[in-house]
Amino acid sequence: MIVIITMLVHLESFNCHPPTHIVNRILNLHVPEWSGEVRSITYSPDGKTVSVVYRVTLHGIDAEISRESTGTASVDDKGIGDPVQIAEAMAFRRACARFGLGLHLYHEDMS
Protein backbone atom coordinates (compact mmCIF):
# COMPACT_ATOMS: atom_id res chain seq x y z
CA MET A 1 0.00 0.00 0.00
CA ILE A 2 1.31 3.38 -0.91
CA VAL A 3 0.03 5.99 1.47
CA ILE A 4 2.28 8.99 1.88
CA ILE A 5 1.62 10.73 5.14
CA THR A 6 3.70 13.86 5.22
CA MET A 7 2.66 15.58 8.37
CA LEU A 8 5.28 18.28 8.75
CA VAL A 9 3.17 20.52 10.86
CA HIS A 10 4.50 23.63 12.56
CA LEU A 11 2.44 23.81 15.72
CA GLU A 12 5.06 25.19 18.10
CA SER A 13 2.54 27.68 19.44
CA PHE A 14 0.67 24.87 21.24
CA ASN A 15 2.06 23.87 24.62
CA CYS A 16 1.03 20.21 24.86
CA HIS A 17 -1.12 19.00 21.97
CA PRO A 18 -2.91 20.45 18.97
CA PRO A 19 -6.63 21.14 19.26
CA THR A 20 -8.89 18.49 17.77
CA HIS A 21 -10.05 20.73 14.91
CA ILE A 22 -6.43 21.28 13.82
CA VAL A 23 -5.72 17.53 13.78
CA ASN A 24 -8.93 17.01 11.78
CA ARG A 25 -7.85 19.64 9.20
CA ILE A 26 -4.39 18.07 8.85
CA LEU A 27 -5.89 14.64 8.22
CA ASN A 28 -8.31 16.10 5.66
CA LEU A 29 -5.45 17.82 3.85
CA HIS A 30 -2.90 14.98 3.81
CA VAL A 31 -5.10 11.87 3.96
CA PRO A 32 -8.54 12.76 2.61
CA GLU A 33 -9.62 9.11 2.72
CA TRP A 34 -9.67 8.73 6.51
CA SER A 35 -12.41 7.90 8.93
CA GLY A 36 -12.91 7.92 12.66
CA GLU A 37 -15.31 6.14 14.95
CA VAL A 38 -16.10 5.85 18.62
CA ARG A 39 -15.65 2.19 19.51
CA SER A 40 -16.95 2.34 23.07
CA ILE A 41 -18.05 4.68 25.84
CA THR A 42 -17.63 3.31 29.37
CA TYR A 43 -18.43 4.90 32.71
CA SER A 44 -16.39 3.85 35.73
CA PRO A 45 -18.24 1.77 38.35
CA ASP A 46 -18.38 4.75 40.70
CA GLY A 47 -19.67 7.01 37.90
CA LYS A 48 -16.90 9.58 38.39
CA THR A 49 -15.11 9.12 35.04
CA VAL A 50 -15.97 8.25 31.48
CA SER A 51 -13.60 6.55 29.01
CA VAL A 52 -13.89 6.57 25.24
CA VAL A 53 -12.10 4.30 22.77
CA TYR A 54 -11.62 5.97 19.37
CA ARG A 55 -10.35 4.43 16.12
CA VAL A 56 -8.77 6.39 13.25
CA THR A 57 -8.51 4.53 9.93
CA LEU A 58 -6.51 5.63 6.89
CA HIS A 59 -7.93 4.15 3.69
CA GLY A 60 -5.39 3.35 0.97
CA ILE A 61 -5.68 1.87 -2.48
CA ASP A 62 -5.23 -1.72 -1.39
CA ALA A 63 -5.39 -1.70 2.41
CA GLU A 64 -6.51 0.15 5.51
CA ILE A 65 -4.44 1.10 8.54
CA SER A 66 -6.15 1.69 11.88
CA ARG A 67 -4.99 2.93 15.25
CA GLU A 68 -7.04 3.07 18.45
CA SER A 69 -6.56 4.90 21.69
CA THR A 70 -8.48 5.89 24.80
CA GLY A 71 -9.37 9.11 26.53
CA THR A 72 -10.74 9.53 30.02
CA ALA A 73 -12.46 12.54 31.58
CA SER A 74 -13.92 13.31 34.96
CA VAL A 75 -17.70 13.62 35.03
CA ASP A 76 -17.22 16.65 37.28
CA ASP A 77 -14.89 18.37 34.77
CA LYS A 78 -16.04 21.92 34.12
CA GLY A 79 -14.17 22.23 30.81
CA ILE A 80 -15.65 23.09 27.45
CA GLY A 81 -18.10 20.39 26.39
CA ASP A 82 -19.50 17.46 28.26
CA PRO A 83 -17.23 14.72 29.68
CA VAL A 84 -17.88 12.35 26.77
CA GLN A 85 -16.85 15.05 24.27
CA ILE A 86 -13.68 15.76 26.25
CA ALA A 87 -12.76 12.05 26.46
CA GLU A 88 -13.53 11.56 22.76
CA ALA A 89 -11.32 14.48 21.73
CA MET A 90 -8.49 13.14 23.90
CA ALA A 91 -8.84 9.64 22.42
CA PHE A 92 -8.93 11.08 18.86
CA ARG A 93 -5.72 13.07 19.39
CA ARG A 94 -4.00 10.04 20.94
CA ALA A 95 -5.05 7.76 18.08
CA CYS A 96 -3.66 10.30 15.61
CA ALA A 97 -0.42 10.45 17.63
CA ARG A 98 -0.09 6.70 17.05
CA PHE A 99 0.32 7.58 13.37
CA GLY A 100 3.01 10.10 14.33
CA LEU A 101 0.91 13.23 14.05
CA GLY A 102 2.12 15.90 16.47
CA LEU A 103 4.53 13.65 18.37
CA HIS A 104 7.06 16.46 18.60
CA LEU A 105 4.56 18.30 20.78
CA TYR A 106 4.51 15.47 23.33
CA HIS A 107 8.31 15.26 23.49
CA GLU A 108 9.44 18.86 23.16
CA ASP A 109 12.21 20.16 25.39
CA MET A 110 10.68 21.94 28.37
CA SER A 111 13.76 24.05 29.18
C-alpha atoms as a PDB file:
ATOM      1  CA  MET A   1       0.000   0.000   0.000  1.00  0.00           C
ATOM      2  CA  ILE A   2       1.307   3.381  -0.910  1.00  0.00           C
ATOM      3  CA  VAL A   3       0.026   5.986   1.472  1.00  0.00           C
ATOM      4  CA  ILE A   4       2.282   8.985   1.883  1.00  0.00           C
ATOM      5  CA  ILE A   5       1.619  10.729   5.137  1.00  0.00           C
ATOM      6  CA  THR A   6       3.696  13.862   5.216  1.00  0.00           C
ATOM      7  CA  MET A   7       2.662  15.585   8.368  1.00  0.00           C
ATOM      8  CA  LEU A   8       5.275  18.276   8.746  1.00  0.00           C
ATOM      9  CA  VAL A   9       3.166  20.525  10.860  1.00  0.00           C
ATOM     10  CA  HIS A  10       4.501  23.625  12.558  1.00  0.00           C
ATOM     11  CA  LEU A  11       2.443  23.806  15.723  1.00  0.00           C
ATOM     12  CA  GLU A  12       5.061  25.187  18.101  1.00  0.00           C
ATOM     13  CA  SER A  13       2.537  27.683  19.437  1.00  0.00           C
ATOM     14  CA  PHE A  14       0.667  24.871  21.236  1.00  0.00           C
ATOM     15  CA  ASN A  15       2.062  23.866  24.622  1.00  0.00           C
ATOM     16  CA  CYS A  16       1.027  20.214  24.864  1.00  0.00           C
ATOM     17  CA  HIS A  17      -1.124  19.003  21.969  1.00  0.00           C
ATOM     18  CA  PRO A  18      -2.907  20.454  18.969  1.00  0.00           C
ATOM     19  CA  PRO A  19      -6.626  21.140  19.263  1.00  0.00           C
ATOM     20  CA  THR A  20      -8.886  18.488  17.770  1.00  0.00           C
ATOM     21  CA  HIS A  21     -10.051  20.728  14.907  1.00  0.00           C
ATOM     22  CA  ILE A  22      -6.425  21.282  13.816  1.00  0.00           C
ATOM     23  CA  VAL A  23      -5.725  17.525  13.777  1.00  0.00           C
ATOM     24  CA  ASN A  24      -8.925  17.015  11.778  1.00  0.00           C
ATOM     25  CA  ARG A  25      -7.845  19.642   9.202  1.00  0.00           C
ATOM     26  CA  ILE A  26      -4.392  18.075   8.851  1.00  0.00           C
ATOM     27  CA  LEU A  27      -5.892  14.641   8.215  1.00  0.00           C
ATOM     28  CA  ASN A  28      -8.315  16.098   5.659  1.00  0.00           C
ATOM     29  CA  LEU A  29      -5.446  17.816   3.848  1.00  0.00           C
ATOM     30  CA  HIS A  30      -2.903  14.981   3.805  1.00  0.00           C
ATOM     31  CA  VAL A  31      -5.104  11.872   3.956  1.00  0.00           C
ATOM     32  CA  PRO A  32      -8.545  12.764   2.609  1.00  0.00           C
ATOM     33  CA  GLU A  33      -9.616   9.110   2.723  1.00  0.00           C
ATOM     34  CA  TRP A  34      -9.668   8.732   6.510  1.00  0.00           C
ATOM     35  CA  SER A  35     -12.411   7.897   8.931  1.00  0.00           C
ATOM     36  CA  GLY A  36     -12.907   7.917  12.662  1.00  0.00           C
ATOM     37  CA  GLU A  37     -15.307   6.141  14.949  1.00  0.00           C
ATOM     38  CA  VAL A  38     -16.097   5.845  18.615  1.00  0.00           C
ATOM     39  CA  ARG A  39     -15.652   2.190  19.507  1.00  0.00           C
ATOM     40  CA  SER A  40     -16.946   2.339  23.070  1.00  0.00           C
ATOM     41  CA  ILE A  41     -18.051   4.678  25.843  1.00  0.00           C
ATOM     42  CA  THR A  42     -17.632   3.312  29.368  1.00  0.00           C
ATOM     43  CA  TYR A  43     -18.425   4.900  32.706  1.00  0.00           C
ATOM     44  CA  SER A  44     -16.389   3.847  35.735  1.00  0.00           C
ATOM     45  CA  PRO A  45     -18.240   1.767  38.355  1.00  0.00           C
ATOM     46  CA  ASP A  46     -18.381   4.754  40.701  1.00  0.00           C
ATOM     47  CA  GLY A  47     -19.672   7.008  37.899  1.00  0.00           C
ATOM     48  CA  LYS A  48     -16.904   9.583  38.387  1.00  0.00           C
ATOM     49  CA  THR A  49     -15.112   9.122  35.043  1.00  0.00           C
ATOM     50  CA  VAL A  50     -15.971   8.248  31.479  1.00  0.00           C
ATOM     51  CA  SER A  51     -13.596   6.551  29.013  1.00  0.00           C
ATOM     52  CA  VAL A  52     -13.887   6.575  25.239  1.00  0.00           C
ATOM     53  CA  VAL A  53     -12.097   4.299  22.772  1.00  0.00           C
ATOM     54  CA  TYR A  54     -11.620   5.968  19.368  1.00  0.00           C
ATOM     55  CA  ARG A  55     -10.348   4.426  16.119  1.00  0.00           C
ATOM     56  CA  VAL A  56      -8.775   6.385  13.254  1.00  0.00           C
ATOM     57  CA  THR A  57      -8.510   4.531   9.932  1.00  0.00           C
ATOM     58  CA  LEU A  58      -6.506   5.628   6.887  1.00  0.00           C
ATOM     59  CA  HIS A  59      -7.928   4.147   3.693  1.00  0.00           C
ATOM     60  CA  GLY A  60      -5.394   3.354   0.970  1.00  0.00           C
ATOM     61  CA  ILE A  61      -5.681   1.874  -2.480  1.00  0.00           C
ATOM     62  CA  ASP A  62      -5.226  -1.722  -1.387  1.00  0.00           C
ATOM     63  CA  ALA A  63      -5.387  -1.696   2.408  1.00  0.00           C
ATOM     64  CA  GLU A  64      -6.506   0.150   5.508  1.00  0.00           C
ATOM     65  CA  ILE A  65      -4.439   1.096   8.541  1.00  0.00           C
ATOM     66  CA  SER A  66      -6.149   1.686  11.878  1.00  0.00           C
ATOM     67  CA  ARG A  67      -4.993   2.928  15.251  1.00  0.00           C
ATOM     68  CA  GLU A  68      -7.041   3.072  18.448  1.00  0.00           C
ATOM     69  CA  SER A  69      -6.557   4.895  21.690  1.00  0.00           C
ATOM     70  CA  THR A  70      -8.479   5.886  24.801  1.00  0.00           C
ATOM     71  CA  GLY A  71      -9.374   9.110  26.529  1.00  0.00           C
ATOM     72  CA  THR A  72     -10.744   9.534  30.019  1.00  0.00           C
ATOM     73  CA  ALA A  73     -12.461  12.543  31.576  1.00  0.00           C
ATOM     74  CA  SER A  74     -13.925  13.311  34.961  1.00  0.00           C
ATOM     75  CA  VAL A  75     -17.695  13.616  35.026  1.00  0.00           C
ATOM     76  CA  ASP A  76     -17.218  16.645  37.282  1.00  0.00           C
ATOM     77  CA  ASP A  77     -14.890  18.370  34.774  1.00  0.00           C
ATOM     78  CA  LYS A  78     -16.040  21.925  34.117  1.00  0.00           C
ATOM     79  CA  GLY A  79     -14.167  22.225  30.812  1.00  0.00           C
ATOM     80  CA  ILE A  80     -15.653  23.087  27.450  1.00  0.00           C
ATOM     81  CA  GLY A  81     -18.099  20.389  26.392  1.00  0.00           C
ATOM     82  CA  ASP A  82     -19.495  17.465  28.265  1.00  0.00           C
ATOM     83  CA  PRO A  83     -17.226  14.722  29.678  1.00  0.00           C
ATOM     84  CA  VAL A  84     -17.884  12.350  26.772  1.00  0.00           C
ATOM     85  CA  GLN A  85     -16.846  15.047  24.269  1.00  0.00           C
ATOM     86  CA  ILE A  86     -13.676  15.757  26.251  1.00  0.00           C
ATOM     87  CA  ALA A  87     -12.763  12.049  26.461  1.00  0.00           C
ATOM     88  CA  GLU A  88     -13.533  11.556  22.763  1.00  0.00           C
ATOM     89  CA  ALA A  89     -11.318  14.476  21.728  1.00  0.00           C
ATOM     90  CA  MET A  90      -8.492  13.139  23.899  1.00  0.00           C
ATOM     91  CA  ALA A  91      -8.840   9.640  22.420  1.00  0.00           C
ATOM     92  CA  PHE A  92      -8.935  11.079  18.859  1.00  0.00           C
ATOM     93  CA  ARG A  93      -5.724  13.065  19.389  1.00  0.00           C
ATOM     94  CA  ARG A  94      -3.999  10.044  20.941  1.00  0.00           C
ATOM     95  CA  ALA A  95      -5.054   7.759  18.077  1.00  0.00           C
ATOM     96  CA  CYS A  96      -3.656  10.298  15.613  1.00  0.00           C
ATOM     97  CA  ALA A  97      -0.424  10.452  17.633  1.00  0.00           C
ATOM     98  CA  ARG A  98      -0.092   6.701  17.050  1.00  0.00           C
ATOM     99  CA  PHE A  99       0.316   7.578  13.365  1.00  0.00           C
ATOM    100  CA  GLY A 100       3.012  10.098  14.327  1.00  0.00           C
ATOM    101  CA  LEU A 101       0.913  13.226  14.045  1.00  0.00           C
ATOM    102  CA  GLY A 102       2.125  15.895  16.468  1.00  0.00           C
ATOM    103  CA  LEU A 103       4.530  13.647  18.374  1.00  0.00           C
ATOM    104  CA  HIS A 104       7.056  16.461  18.604  1.00  0.00           C
ATOM    105  CA  LEU A 105       4.558  18.299  20.779  1.00  0.00           C
ATOM    106  CA  TYR A 106       4.512  15.472  23.328  1.00  0.00           C
ATOM    107  CA  HIS A 107       8.314  15.263  23.488  1.00  0.00           C
ATOM    108  CA  GLU A 108       9.436  18.859  23.162  1.00  0.00           C
ATOM    109  CA  ASP A 109      12.212  20.159  25.387  1.00  0.00           C
ATOM    110  CA  MET A 110      10.680  21.936  28.368  1.00  0.00           C
ATOM    111  CA  SER A 111      13.761  24.046  29.180  1.00  0.00           C
END
